[in-house]
Protein backbone atom coordinates (compact mmCIF):
# COMPACT_ATOMS: atom_id res chain seq x y z
CA UNK A 1 34.75 -2.08 -9.15
CA UNK A 2 33.04 -3.36 -6.01
CA UNK A 3 33.76 -0.12 -4.17
CA UNK A 4 32.35 1.94 -7.06
CA UNK A 5 29.20 -0.19 -7.14
CA UNK A 6 28.70 0.24 -3.41
CA UNK A 7 29.10 4.01 -3.68
CA UNK A 8 26.54 4.13 -6.47
CA UNK A 9 24.06 2.12 -4.42
CA UNK A 10 24.08 4.48 -1.44
CA UNK A 11 20.80 6.36 -1.16
CA UNK A 12 20.76 10.13 -1.20
CA UNK A 13 19.26 11.39 2.11
CA UNK A 14 17.08 13.88 0.21
CA UNK A 15 15.58 11.07 -1.90
CA UNK A 16 14.94 9.02 1.19
CA UNK A 17 13.08 11.88 2.83
CA UNK A 18 10.99 12.40 -0.31
CA UNK A 19 10.25 8.67 -0.43
CA UNK A 20 9.14 8.73 3.20
CA UNK A 21 6.97 11.76 2.50
CA UNK A 22 5.36 10.02 -0.46
CA UNK A 23 4.69 6.90 1.62
CA UNK A 24 3.14 9.01 4.38
CA UNK A 25 0.95 10.90 1.91
CA UNK A 26 -0.20 7.65 0.27
CA UNK A 27 -0.94 6.15 3.66
CA UNK A 28 -3.04 9.18 4.62
CA UNK A 29 -4.84 9.04 1.26
CA UNK A 30 -5.55 5.34 1.78
CA UNK A 31 -7.02 5.94 5.23
CA UNK A 32 -9.19 8.84 4.06
CA UNK A 33 -10.37 6.97 0.98
CA UNK A 34 -11.36 3.91 3.00
CA UNK A 35 -13.19 6.13 5.48
CA UNK A 36 -15.05 7.92 2.68
CA UNK A 37 -16.05 4.65 1.00
CA UNK A 38 -17.30 3.24 4.31
CA UNK A 39 -19.30 6.42 4.98
CA UNK A 40 -20.91 6.36 1.52
CA UNK A 41 -21.69 2.66 1.90
CA UNK A 42 -23.15 3.31 5.35
CA UNK A 43 -25.51 5.91 3.93
CA UNK A 44 -27.21 3.27 1.82
CA UNK A 45 -30.32 4.48 0.01
CA UNK A 46 -30.14 7.88 1.72
CA UNK A 47 -27.43 8.89 -0.75
CA UNK A 48 -29.83 8.59 -3.66
CA UNK A 49 -32.74 10.41 -2.03
CA UNK A 50 -31.29 13.89 -2.50
CA UNK A 51 -29.57 13.25 -5.84
CA UNK A 52 -30.61 12.80 -9.43
CA UNK A 53 -30.09 9.43 -11.12
CA UNK A 54 -27.10 10.88 -13.01
CA UNK A 55 -25.53 12.05 -9.76
CA UNK A 56 -26.04 8.63 -8.19
CA UNK A 57 -24.40 6.96 -11.20
CA UNK A 58 -21.52 9.45 -11.05
CA UNK A 59 -21.05 8.76 -7.35
CA UNK A 60 -21.02 5.02 -8.05
CA UNK A 61 -18.40 5.53 -10.75
CA UNK A 62 -16.38 7.70 -8.36
CA UNK A 63 -16.48 4.97 -5.70
CA UNK A 64 -15.40 2.38 -8.27
CA UNK A 65 -12.42 4.50 -9.25
CA UNK A 66 -11.45 4.97 -5.61
CA UNK A 67 -11.53 1.21 -5.06
CA UNK A 68 -9.44 0.67 -8.20
CA UNK A 69 -6.96 3.27 -6.94
CA UNK A 70 -6.66 1.47 -3.61
CA UNK A 71 -6.07 -1.84 -5.39
CA UNK A 72 -3.48 -0.30 -7.72
CA UNK A 73 -1.65 1.16 -4.75
CA UNK A 74 -1.71 -2.19 -2.95
CA UNK A 75 -0.32 -3.98 -6.01
CA UNK A 76 2.38 -1.34 -6.48
CA UNK A 77 3.62 -1.95 -2.95
CA UNK A 78 3.94 -5.73 -3.23
């Protein structure tokens, strides 16, 4: 039984590669998302000067969802 359990627990190399690819993609997404949020924050009031109030609200909602996505990813990794 122990031998069978150990054989079942061995990871398939293809799955491991896919897992590594997913981790790399999520890491890249995290970096780009943080950079985008910092850039938008750095723009300050300039962001609203060329946009309608609805566009500014939509951008704020977008930023909120990005932050929630980052937090969800962080919690999923711990």
